[in-house]
Amino acid sequence: MLQALDSQITTQLPDHTQLPCEDGTFVKNFQEHPQSILLTESIWEKLQDIHPDGQFCIGQDSGIYWRISDPPQRGAEAPDWFYVPDVPSTLEGQARRSYVMWQELVAPLIAIEFVSGSGAEERDREAYQGKFWVYEKAIRIPFYGIYEVKKASIEMYQLIAGKYQLMSPNERGHYVLEDMGVELGIWQGVYKNIDLPWLRWWDTQGNLLLTGEERADAEKQRADTEKQRADTEKQRADTEKQRADAEKQRAERLAARLRELGEKIDD
């Protein structure tokens, strides 16, 4: 009876096609969008290894609805980046407009916020209002990261016994996420023509996870290096051949001279 009632209530609640998928606010700066893409592209191959069945999804500045409210947006938070394991990539054959907890049931494993102001919003613990409180108490996201490009830092929290505990970095300055088999940290470099301290993934051996473009560039550089090595080897072989030819010609001239001298002596 209770199960049937719960099913009836759930079907009456709005789903992802009925709830707003945006609130009209602007993205805070030009760095946020490429940062989201960088996180997604570089870990995509790793997530495909973890989920060979393709059962996972990634949200980028997408709403997570956790309660019914008026207006609806007050019952949602929109992490700049989040990952949900073991869910279909689409919902009932449609791309998700948002992530609705009473429709999905599985919470994201990790959510990351990109700080563009003071960071107070991302650390707000006010009950039912603050992002920190919502992620910790309502949605219960196991890992929460606060990334501040201005400070070149990432602050990571892990949900332990219902409360976020500040994580400690390893010897490489990275945060280990064992559930994903990766490390998260800061990488100073150029991405999309912007030189910044970017938030990036590494594997557990400390190898940077590359985007497809970076892998292609690395492969091209490897091929160029191999070609340069082959050219150098060919040049060395040509030089050696020239030396051998010169030595042969010298020996032939010497032999010819000796024959001339021998003929003169015989005369």
C-alpha atoms as a PDB file:
ATOM      1  CA  MET A   1       0.000   0.000   0.000  1.00  0.00           C
ATOM      2  CA  LEU A   2       2.747   2.445   1.018  1.00  0.00           C
ATOM      3  CA  GLN A   3       4.800   1.501  -2.057  1.00  0.00           C
ATOM      4  CA  ALA A   4       1.840   2.133  -4.335  1.00  0.00           C
ATOM      5  CA  LEU A   5       1.188   5.498  -2.646  1.00  0.00           C
ATOM      6  CA  ASP A   6       4.843   6.486  -2.966  1.00  0.00           C
ATOM      7  CA  SER A   7       4.773   5.563  -6.670  1.00  0.00           C
ATOM      8  CA  GLN A   8       1.630   7.659  -7.158  1.00  0.00           C
ATOM      9  CA  ILE A   9       3.187  10.697  -5.434  1.00  0.00           C
ATOM     10  CA  THR A  10       6.367  10.351  -7.503  1.00  0.00           C
ATOM     11  CA  THR A  11       4.451  10.258 -10.770  1.00  0.00           C
ATOM     12  CA  GLN A  12       2.659  13.468  -9.768  1.00  0.00           C
ATOM     13  CA  LEU A  13       5.904  15.337  -9.154  1.00  0.00           C
ATOM     14  CA  PRO A  14       7.397  17.340 -12.063  1.00  0.00           C
ATOM     15  CA  ASP A  15      10.153  15.652 -14.035  1.00  0.00           C
ATOM     16  CA  HIS A  16      13.213  17.015 -15.868  1.00  0.00           C
ATOM     17  CA  THR A  17      11.103  18.018 -18.890  1.00  0.00           C
ATOM     18  CA  GLN A  18       8.773  20.166 -16.761  1.00  0.00           C
ATOM     19  CA  LEU A  19      11.305  21.977 -14.568  1.00  0.00           C
ATOM     20  CA  PRO A  20      13.308  25.062 -15.691  1.00  0.00           C
ATOM     21  CA  CYS A  21      16.787  24.191 -16.984  1.00  0.00           C
ATOM     22  CA  GLU A  22      18.208  27.725 -16.568  1.00  0.00           C
ATOM     23  CA  ASP A  23      17.790  30.710 -14.299  1.00  0.00           C
ATOM     24  CA  GLY A  24      18.877  33.487 -16.628  1.00  0.00           C
ATOM     25  CA  THR A  25      22.176  34.231 -14.897  1.00  0.00           C
ATOM     26  CA  PHE A  26      25.387  34.740 -16.834  1.00  0.00           C
ATOM     27  CA  VAL A  27      28.437  32.507 -16.683  1.00  0.00           C
ATOM     28  CA  LYS A  28      30.798  34.453 -14.445  1.00  0.00           C
ATOM     29  CA  ASN A  29      33.894  34.580 -16.650  1.00  0.00           C
ATOM     30  CA  PHE A  30      35.506  33.300 -19.831  1.00  0.00           C
ATOM     31  CA  GLN A  31      37.500  30.635 -17.994  1.00  0.00           C
ATOM     32  CA  GLU A  32      34.593  28.623 -16.562  1.00  0.00           C
ATOM     33  CA  HIS A  33      33.349  27.074 -19.802  1.00  0.00           C
ATOM     34  CA  PRO A  34      36.758  25.779 -21.011  1.00  0.00           C
ATOM     35  CA  GLN A  35      37.475  24.559 -17.472  1.00  0.00           C
ATOM     36  CA  SER A  36      34.341  22.388 -17.548  1.00  0.00           C
ATOM     37  CA  ILE A  37      35.255  21.048 -20.986  1.00  0.00           C
ATOM     38  CA  LEU A  38      38.801  20.287 -19.822  1.00  0.00           C
ATOM     39  CA  LEU A  39      37.538  18.274 -16.845  1.00  0.00           C
ATOM     40  CA  THR A  40      35.087  16.322 -18.984  1.00  0.00           C
ATOM     41  CA  GLU A  41      37.309  15.608 -21.995  1.00  0.00           C
ATOM     42  CA  SER A  42      40.330  14.511 -20.004  1.00  0.00           C
ATOM     43  CA  ILE A  43      38.444  12.035 -17.795  1.00  0.00           C
ATOM     44  CA  TRP A  44      36.081  10.700 -20.455  1.00  0.00           C
ATOM     45  CA  GLU A  45      38.303   7.783 -21.476  1.00  0.00           C
ATOM     46  CA  LYS A  46      38.801   6.837 -17.814  1.00  0.00           C
ATOM     47  CA  LEU A  47      35.051   6.854 -17.152  1.00  0.00           C
ATOM     48  CA  GLN A  48      34.461   4.682 -20.199  1.00  0.00           C
ATOM     49  CA  ASP A  49      36.886   2.153 -18.696  1.00  0.00           C
ATOM     50  CA  ILE A  50      35.001   2.315 -15.384  1.00  0.00           C
ATOM     51  CA  HIS A  51      31.619   2.054 -17.110  1.00  0.00           C
ATOM     52  CA  PRO A  52      31.981  -0.168 -20.207  1.00  0.00           C
ATOM     53  CA  ASP A  53      28.180  -0.260 -20.340  1.00  0.00           C
ATOM     54  CA  GLY A  54      28.106   3.551 -20.723  1.00  0.00           C
ATOM     55  CA  GLN A  55      26.040   3.984 -17.565  1.00  0.00           C
ATOM     56  CA  PHE A  56      27.186   7.388 -16.296  1.00  0.00           C
ATOM     57  CA  CYS A  57      26.505  11.050 -16.918  1.00  0.00           C
ATOM     58  CA  ILE A  58      28.276  14.375 -16.458  1.00  0.00           C
ATOM     59  CA  GLY A  59      26.611  17.697 -15.728  1.00  0.00           C
ATOM     60  CA  GLN A  60      28.181  21.065 -16.530  1.00  0.00           C
ATOM     61  CA  ASP A  61      26.478  24.066 -14.924  1.00  0.00           C
ATOM     62  CA  SER A  62      23.300  21.952 -14.858  1.00  0.00           C
ATOM     63  CA  GLY A  63      20.607  22.053 -12.202  1.00  0.00           C
ATOM     64  CA  ILE A  64      20.187  19.357  -9.548  1.00  0.00           C
ATOM     65  CA  TYR A  65      16.634  19.515  -8.165  1.00  0.00           C
ATOM     66  CA  TRP A  66      16.421  18.287  -4.593  1.00  0.00           C
ATOM     67  CA  ARG A  67      13.104  19.698  -3.365  1.00  0.00           C
ATOM     68  CA  ILE A  68       9.811  21.161  -4.591  1.00  0.00           C
ATOM     69  CA  SER A  69       9.696  24.946  -4.232  1.00  0.00           C
ATOM     70  CA  ASP A  70       8.128  28.072  -5.688  1.00  0.00           C
ATOM     71  CA  PRO A  71       9.715  29.233  -7.888  1.00  0.00           C
ATOM     72  CA  PRO A  72      11.163  25.822  -8.872  1.00  0.00           C
ATOM     73  CA  GLN A  73      14.741  27.154  -9.210  1.00  0.00           C
ATOM     74  CA  ARG A  74      14.891  27.724  -5.445  1.00  0.00           C
ATOM     75  CA  GLY A  75      14.804  23.987  -5.010  1.00  0.00           C
ATOM     76  CA  ALA A  76      17.843  23.396  -7.181  1.00  0.00           C
ATOM     77  CA  GLU A  77      21.586  23.919  -7.177  1.00  0.00           C
ATOM     78  CA  ALA A  78      23.705  23.974 -10.329  1.00  0.00           C
ATOM     79  CA  PRO A  79      27.272  22.783  -9.734  1.00  0.00           C
ATOM     80  CA  ASP A  80      29.723  23.936 -12.367  1.00  0.00           C
ATOM     81  CA  TRP A  81      30.707  20.287 -12.879  1.00  0.00           C
ATOM     82  CA  PHE A  82      29.426  16.994 -11.501  1.00  0.00           C
ATOM     83  CA  TYR A  83      29.595  13.273 -12.262  1.00  0.00           C
ATOM     84  CA  VAL A  84      26.984  10.601 -11.580  1.00  0.00           C
ATOM     85  CA  PRO A  85      27.975   6.926 -11.823  1.00  0.00           C
ATOM     86  CA  ASP A  86      25.727   4.005 -12.757  1.00  0.00           C
ATOM     87  CA  VAL A  87      22.891   5.903 -14.394  1.00  0.00           C
ATOM     88  CA  PRO A  88      21.843   5.872 -18.067  1.00  0.00           C
ATOM     89  CA  SER A  89      23.295   8.590 -20.261  1.00  0.00           C
ATOM     90  CA  THR A  90      19.763   9.567 -21.286  1.00  0.00           C
ATOM     91  CA  LEU A  91      16.476   9.421 -19.423  1.00  0.00           C
ATOM     92  CA  GLU A  92      13.594   7.662 -21.148  1.00  0.00           C
ATOM     93  CA  GLY A  93      15.294   8.273 -24.478  1.00  0.00           C
ATOM     94  CA  GLN A  94      15.742  12.014 -23.884  1.00  0.00           C
ATOM     95  CA  ALA A  95      18.734  14.121 -22.985  1.00  0.00           C
ATOM     96  CA  ARG A  96      18.420  15.413 -19.446  1.00  0.00           C
ATOM     97  CA  ARG A  97      17.437  19.044 -19.074  1.00  0.00           C
ATOM     98  CA  SER A  98      18.367  18.832 -15.389  1.00  0.00           C
ATOM     99  CA  TYR A  99      19.044  16.194 -12.743  1.00  0.00           C
ATOM    100  CA  VAL A 100      15.957  15.557 -10.606  1.00  0.00           C
ATOM    101  CA  MET A 101      16.665  13.654  -7.395  1.00  0.00           C
ATOM    102  CA  TRP A 102      13.146  12.261  -6.918  1.00  0.00           C
ATOM    103  CA  GLN A 103      13.243  11.010 -10.494  1.00  0.00           C
ATOM    104  CA  GLU A 104      16.860   9.760 -10.569  1.00  0.00           C
ATOM    105  CA  LEU A 105      17.460   8.667  -6.955  1.00  0.00           C
ATOM    106  CA  VAL A 106      21.250   8.201  -7.460  1.00  0.00           C
ATOM    107  CA  ALA A 107      23.262  11.134  -6.104  1.00  0.00           C
ATOM    108  CA  PRO A 108      26.312  12.539  -7.946  1.00  0.00           C
ATOM    109  CA  LEU A 109      29.615  11.130  -6.709  1.00  0.00           C
ATOM    110  CA  ILE A 110      31.422  14.454  -7.010  1.00  0.00           C
ATOM    111  CA  ALA A 111      30.432  18.083  -7.527  1.00  0.00           C
ATOM    112  CA  ILE A 112      32.835  20.950  -8.207  1.00  0.00           C
ATOM    113  CA  GLU A 113      32.180  24.677  -7.942  1.00  0.00           C
ATOM    114  CA  PHE A 114      34.347  27.296  -9.654  1.00  0.00           C
ATOM    115  CA  VAL A 115      34.719  30.361  -7.431  1.00  0.00           C
ATOM    116  CA  SER A 116      34.418  33.678  -9.260  1.00  0.00           C
ATOM    117  CA  GLY A 117      33.700  35.905  -6.256  1.00  0.00           C
ATOM    118  CA  SER A 118      34.785  35.663  -2.639  1.00  0.00           C
ATOM    119  CA  GLY A 119      33.921  31.985  -2.259  1.00  0.00           C
ATOM    120  CA  ALA A 120      31.271  32.708   0.378  1.00  0.00           C
ATOM    121  CA  GLU A 121      28.480  31.316  -1.805  1.00  0.00           C
ATOM    122  CA  GLU A 122      30.282  28.015  -2.318  1.00  0.00           C
ATOM    123  CA  ARG A 123      30.958  27.694   1.446  1.00  0.00           C
ATOM    124  CA  ASP A 124      27.495  28.802   2.607  1.00  0.00           C
ATOM    125  CA  ARG A 125      26.274  26.381   5.325  1.00  0.00           C
ATOM    126  CA  GLU A 126      22.881  28.015   5.945  1.00  0.00           C
ATOM    127  CA  ALA A 127      20.223  25.305   6.282  1.00  0.00           C
ATOM    128  CA  TYR A 128      18.051  24.813   3.187  1.00  0.00           C
ATOM    129  CA  GLN A 129      19.753  27.762   1.465  1.00  0.00           C
ATOM    130  CA  GLY A 130      23.527  27.470   1.272  1.00  0.00           C
ATOM    131  CA  LYS A 131      25.245  25.391  -1.407  1.00  0.00           C
ATOM    132  CA  PHE A 132      27.544  23.704   1.084  1.00  0.00           C
ATOM    133  CA  TRP A 133      24.565  22.656   3.242  1.00  0.00           C
ATOM    134  CA  VAL A 134      22.547  21.411   0.276  1.00  0.00           C
ATOM    135  CA  TYR A 135      25.382  19.271  -1.088  1.00  0.00           C
ATOM    136  CA  GLU A 136      26.225  17.928   2.364  1.00  0.00           C
ATOM    137  CA  LYS A 137      22.818  17.428   3.987  1.00  0.00           C
ATOM    138  CA  ALA A 138      20.220  17.261   1.226  1.00  0.00           C
ATOM    139  CA  ILE A 139      21.812  15.748  -1.889  1.00  0.00           C
ATOM    140  CA  ARG A 140      24.617  14.062   0.110  1.00  0.00           C
ATOM    141  CA  ILE A 141      27.302  14.219  -2.557  1.00  0.00           C
ATOM    142  CA  PRO A 142      30.296  12.116  -1.383  1.00  0.00           C
ATOM    143  CA  PHE A 143      32.961  14.535  -2.715  1.00  0.00           C
ATOM    144  CA  TYR A 144      32.705  18.315  -3.005  1.00  0.00           C
ATOM    145  CA  GLY A 145      35.407  20.531  -4.497  1.00  0.00           C
ATOM    146  CA  ILE A 146      35.771  24.319  -4.373  1.00  0.00           C
ATOM    147  CA  TYR A 147      38.175  25.530  -7.060  1.00  0.00           C
ATOM    148  CA  GLU A 148      39.607  29.064  -6.916  1.00  0.00           C
ATOM    149  CA  VAL A 149      41.573  29.995 -10.002  1.00  0.00           C
ATOM    150  CA  LYS A 150      42.720  33.284  -8.418  1.00  0.00           C
ATOM    151  CA  LYS A 151      44.361  31.359  -5.575  1.00  0.00           C
ATOM    152  CA  ALA A 152      45.439  28.431  -7.793  1.00  0.00           C
ATOM    153  CA  SER A 153      43.818  26.083  -5.281  1.00  0.00           C
ATOM    154  CA  ILE A 154      41.238  23.336  -4.918  1.00  0.00           C
ATOM    155  CA  GLU A 155      39.580  22.696  -1.555  1.00  0.00           C
ATOM    156  CA  MET A 156      38.222  19.139  -1.349  1.00  0.00           C
ATOM    157  CA  TYR A 157      35.687  17.704   1.093  1.00  0.00           C
ATOM    158  CA  GLN A 158      34.605  14.110   1.659  1.00  0.00           C
ATOM    159  CA  LEU A 159      31.265  13.134   3.195  1.00  0.00           C
ATOM    160  CA  ILE A 160      31.983  11.036   6.271  1.00  0.00           C
ATOM    161  CA  ALA A 161      29.188  10.064   8.679  1.00  0.00           C
ATOM    162  CA  GLY A 162      26.906  12.662   7.103  1.00  0.00           C
ATOM    163  CA  LYS A 163      29.356  15.550   7.477  1.00  0.00           C
ATOM    164  CA  TYR A 164      31.920  17.051   5.088  1.00  0.00           C
ATOM    165  CA  GLN A 165      35.499  16.553   6.255  1.00  0.00           C
ATOM    166  CA  LEU A 166      38.325  18.566   4.676  1.00  0.00           C
ATOM    167  CA  MET A 167      40.603  16.240   2.723  1.00  0.00           C
ATOM    168  CA  SER A 168      44.405  16.337   2.766  1.00  0.00           C
ATOM    169  CA  PRO A 169      46.442  16.267  -0.467  1.00  0.00           C
ATOM    170  CA  ASN A 170      48.997  13.565  -1.182  1.00  0.00           C
ATOM    171  CA  GLU A 171      52.735  14.085  -1.713  1.00  0.00           C
ATOM    172  CA  ARG A 172      52.044  15.418  -5.221  1.00  0.00           C
ATOM    173  CA  GLY A 173      49.621  18.008  -3.889  1.00  0.00           C
ATOM    174  CA  HIS A 174      46.686  16.084  -5.415  1.00  0.00           C
ATOM    175  CA  TYR A 175      43.482  14.760  -3.879  1.00  0.00           C
ATOM    176  CA  VAL A 176      42.945  11.034  -4.330  1.00  0.00           C
ATOM    177  CA  LEU A 177      39.456   9.919  -5.379  1.00  0.00           C
ATOM    178  CA  GLU A 178      39.690   6.151  -5.050  1.00  0.00           C
ATOM    179  CA  ASP A 179      36.144   5.556  -6.330  1.00  0.00           C
ATOM    180  CA  MET A 180      37.188   7.052  -9.683  1.00  0.00           C
ATOM    181  CA  GLY A 181      40.786   5.834  -9.675  1.00  0.00           C
ATOM    182  CA  VAL A 182      42.109   9.371 -10.198  1.00  0.00           C
ATOM    183  CA  GLU A 183      43.723  12.315  -8.491  1.00  0.00           C
ATOM    184  CA  LEU A 184      42.552  15.916  -8.717  1.00  0.00           C
ATOM    185  CA  GLY A 185      44.865  18.914  -8.522  1.00  0.00           C
ATOM    186  CA  ILE A 186      46.168  22.126 -10.054  1.00  0.00           C
ATOM    187  CA  TRP A 187      48.117  22.221 -13.329  1.00  0.00           C
ATOM    188  CA  GLN A 188      49.757  25.432 -14.535  1.00  0.00           C
ATOM    189  CA  GLY A 189      49.767  25.579 -18.312  1.00  0.00           C
ATOM    190  CA  VAL A 190      48.134  26.709 -21.534  1.00  0.00           C
ATOM    191  CA  TYR A 191      44.728  25.347 -22.510  1.00  0.00           C
ATOM    192  CA  LYS A 192      42.610  26.876 -25.287  1.00  0.00           C
ATOM    193  CA  ASN A 193      45.163  29.655 -25.619  1.00  0.00           C
ATOM    194  CA  ILE A 194      44.793  30.620 -21.922  1.00  0.00           C
ATOM    195  CA  ASP A 195      47.673  30.265 -19.465  1.00  0.00           C
ATOM    196  CA  LEU A 196      46.147  29.606 -16.026  1.00  0.00           C
ATOM    197  CA  PRO A 197      46.341  27.268 -13.032  1.00  0.00           C
ATOM    198  CA  TRP A 198      43.769  24.787 -14.373  1.00  0.00           C
ATOM    199  CA  LEU A 199      41.946  22.111 -12.402  1.00  0.00           C
ATOM    200  CA  ARG A 200      43.025  18.720 -13.823  1.00  0.00           C
ATOM    201  CA  TRP A 201      42.946  14.957 -13.360  1.00  0.00           C
ATOM    202  CA  TRP A 202      45.876  12.568 -12.961  1.00  0.00           C
ATOM    203  CA  ASP A 203      45.924   8.796 -12.675  1.00  0.00           C
ATOM    204  CA  THR A 204      47.018   7.250  -9.383  1.00  0.00           C
ATOM    205  CA  GLN A 205      50.605   6.971 -10.682  1.00  0.00           C
ATOM    206  CA  GLY A 206      50.734  10.735 -11.164  1.00  0.00           C
ATOM    207  CA  ASN A 207      50.350  10.782 -14.954  1.00  0.00           C
ATOM    208  CA  LEU A 208      48.329  13.700 -16.289  1.00  0.00           C
ATOM    209  CA  LEU A 209      45.120  12.647 -18.054  1.00  0.00           C
ATOM    210  CA  LEU A 210      45.140  14.289 -21.469  1.00  0.00           C
ATOM    211  CA  THR A 211      42.355  15.558 -23.677  1.00  0.00           C
ATOM    212  CA  GLY A 212      41.979  14.112 -27.174  1.00  0.00           C
ATOM    213  CA  GLU A 213      43.639  17.200 -28.625  1.00  0.00           C
ATOM    214  CA  GLU A 214      46.541  16.916 -26.205  1.00  0.00           C
ATOM    215  CA  ARG A 215      46.960  13.222 -27.008  1.00  0.00           C
ATOM    216  CA  ALA A 216      47.010  14.048 -30.730  1.00  0.00           C
ATOM    217  CA  ASP A 217      49.608  16.769 -30.130  1.00  0.00           C
ATOM    218  CA  ALA A 218      51.691  14.397 -28.013  1.00  0.00           C
ATOM    219  CA  GLU A 219      51.482  11.722 -30.730  1.00  0.00           C
ATOM    220  CA  LYS A 220      52.502  14.253 -33.385  1.00  0.00           C
ATOM    221  CA  GLN A 221      55.415  15.391 -31.243  1.00  0.00           C
ATOM    222  CA  ARG A 222      56.424  11.735 -30.726  1.00  0.00           C
ATOM    223  CA  ALA A 223      56.203  11.115 -34.491  1.00  0.00           C
ATOM    224  CA  ASP A 224      58.209  14.285 -35.199  1.00  0.00           C
ATOM    225  CA  THR A 225      60.841  13.215 -32.665  1.00  0.00           C
ATOM    226  CA  GLU A 226      60.989   9.741 -34.210  1.00  0.00           C
ATOM    227  CA  LYS A 227      61.346  11.248 -37.693  1.00  0.00           C
ATOM    228  CA  GLN A 228      64.070  13.576 -36.452  1.00  0.00           C
ATOM    229  CA  ARG A 229      65.841  10.579 -34.886  1.00  0.00           C
ATOM    230  CA  ALA A 230      65.518   8.625 -38.147  1.00  0.00           C
ATOM    231  CA  ASP A 231      66.797  11.615 -40.151  1.00  0.00           C
ATOM    232  CA  THR A 232      69.737  11.970 -37.776  1.00  0.00           C
ATOM    233  CA  GLU A 233      70.475   8.248 -38.087  1.00  0.00           C
ATOM    234  CA  LYS A 234      70.307   8.463 -41.880  1.00  0.00           C
ATOM    235  CA  GLN A 235      72.571  11.511 -41.852  1.00  0.00           C
ATOM    236  CA  ARG A 236      75.021   9.608 -39.640  1.00  0.00           C
ATOM    237  CA  ALA A 237      74.882   6.606 -41.996  1.00  0.00           C
ATOM    238  CA  ASP A 238      75.415   8.865 -45.032  1.00  0.00           C
ATOM    239  CA  THR A 239      78.378  10.511 -43.311  1.00  0.00           C
ATOM    240  CA  GLU A 240      79.814   7.091 -42.464  1.00  0.00           C
ATOM    241  CA  LYS A 241      79.348   5.951 -46.059  1.00  0.00           C
ATOM    242  CA  GLN A 242      81.059   9.108 -47.339  1.00  0.00           C
ATOM    243  CA  ARG A 243      83.938   8.459 -44.931  1.00  0.00           C
ATOM    244  CA  ALA A 244      84.181   4.837 -46.071  1.00  0.00           C
ATOM    245  CA  ASP A 245      84.086   5.880 -49.749  1.00  0.00           C
ATOM    246  CA  ALA A 246      86.787   8.466 -49.117  1.00  0.00           C
ATOM    247  CA  GLU A 247      88.895   5.854 -47.302  1.00  0.00           C
ATOM    248  CA  LYS A 248      88.424   3.416 -50.186  1.00  0.00           C
ATOM    249  CA  GLN A 249      89.451   6.058 -52.742  1.00  0.00           C
ATOM    250  CA  ARG A 250      92.527   6.908 -50.656  1.00  0.00           C
ATOM    251  CA  ALA A 251      93.480   3.226 -50.484  1.00  0.00           C
ATOM    252  CA  GLU A 252      92.989   2.845 -54.230  1.00  0.00           C
ATOM    253  CA  ARG A 253      95.183   5.876 -54.921  1.00  0.00           C
ATOM    254  CA  LEU A 254      97.829   4.500 -52.575  1.00  0.00           C
ATOM    255  CA  ALA A 255      97.737   1.105 -54.275  1.00  0.00           C
ATOM    256  CA  ALA A 256      98.005   2.726 -57.689  1.00  0.00           C
ATOM    257  CA  ARG A 257     100.979   4.785 -56.505  1.00  0.00           C
ATOM    258  CA  LEU A 258     102.674   1.696 -55.108  1.00  0.00           C
ATOM    259  CA  ARG A 259     102.169  -0.109 -58.409  1.00  0.00           C
ATOM    260  CA  GLU A 260     103.739   2.843 -60.247  1.00  0.00           C
ATOM    261  CA  LEU A 261     106.747   2.764 -57.908  1.00  0.00           C
ATOM    262  CA  GLY A 262     107.103  -0.984 -58.351  1.00  0.00           C
ATOM    263  CA  GLU A 263     107.073  -0.699 -62.094  1.00  0.00           C
ATOM    264  CA  LYS A 264     109.797   1.947 -61.990  1.00  0.00           C
ATOM    265  CA  ILE A 265     111.994  -0.254 -59.769  1.00  0.00           C
ATOM    266  CA  ASP A 266     111.564  -3.192 -62.143  1.00  0.00           C
ATOM    267  CA  ASP A 267     112.648  -0.987 -65.015  1.00  0.00           C
END
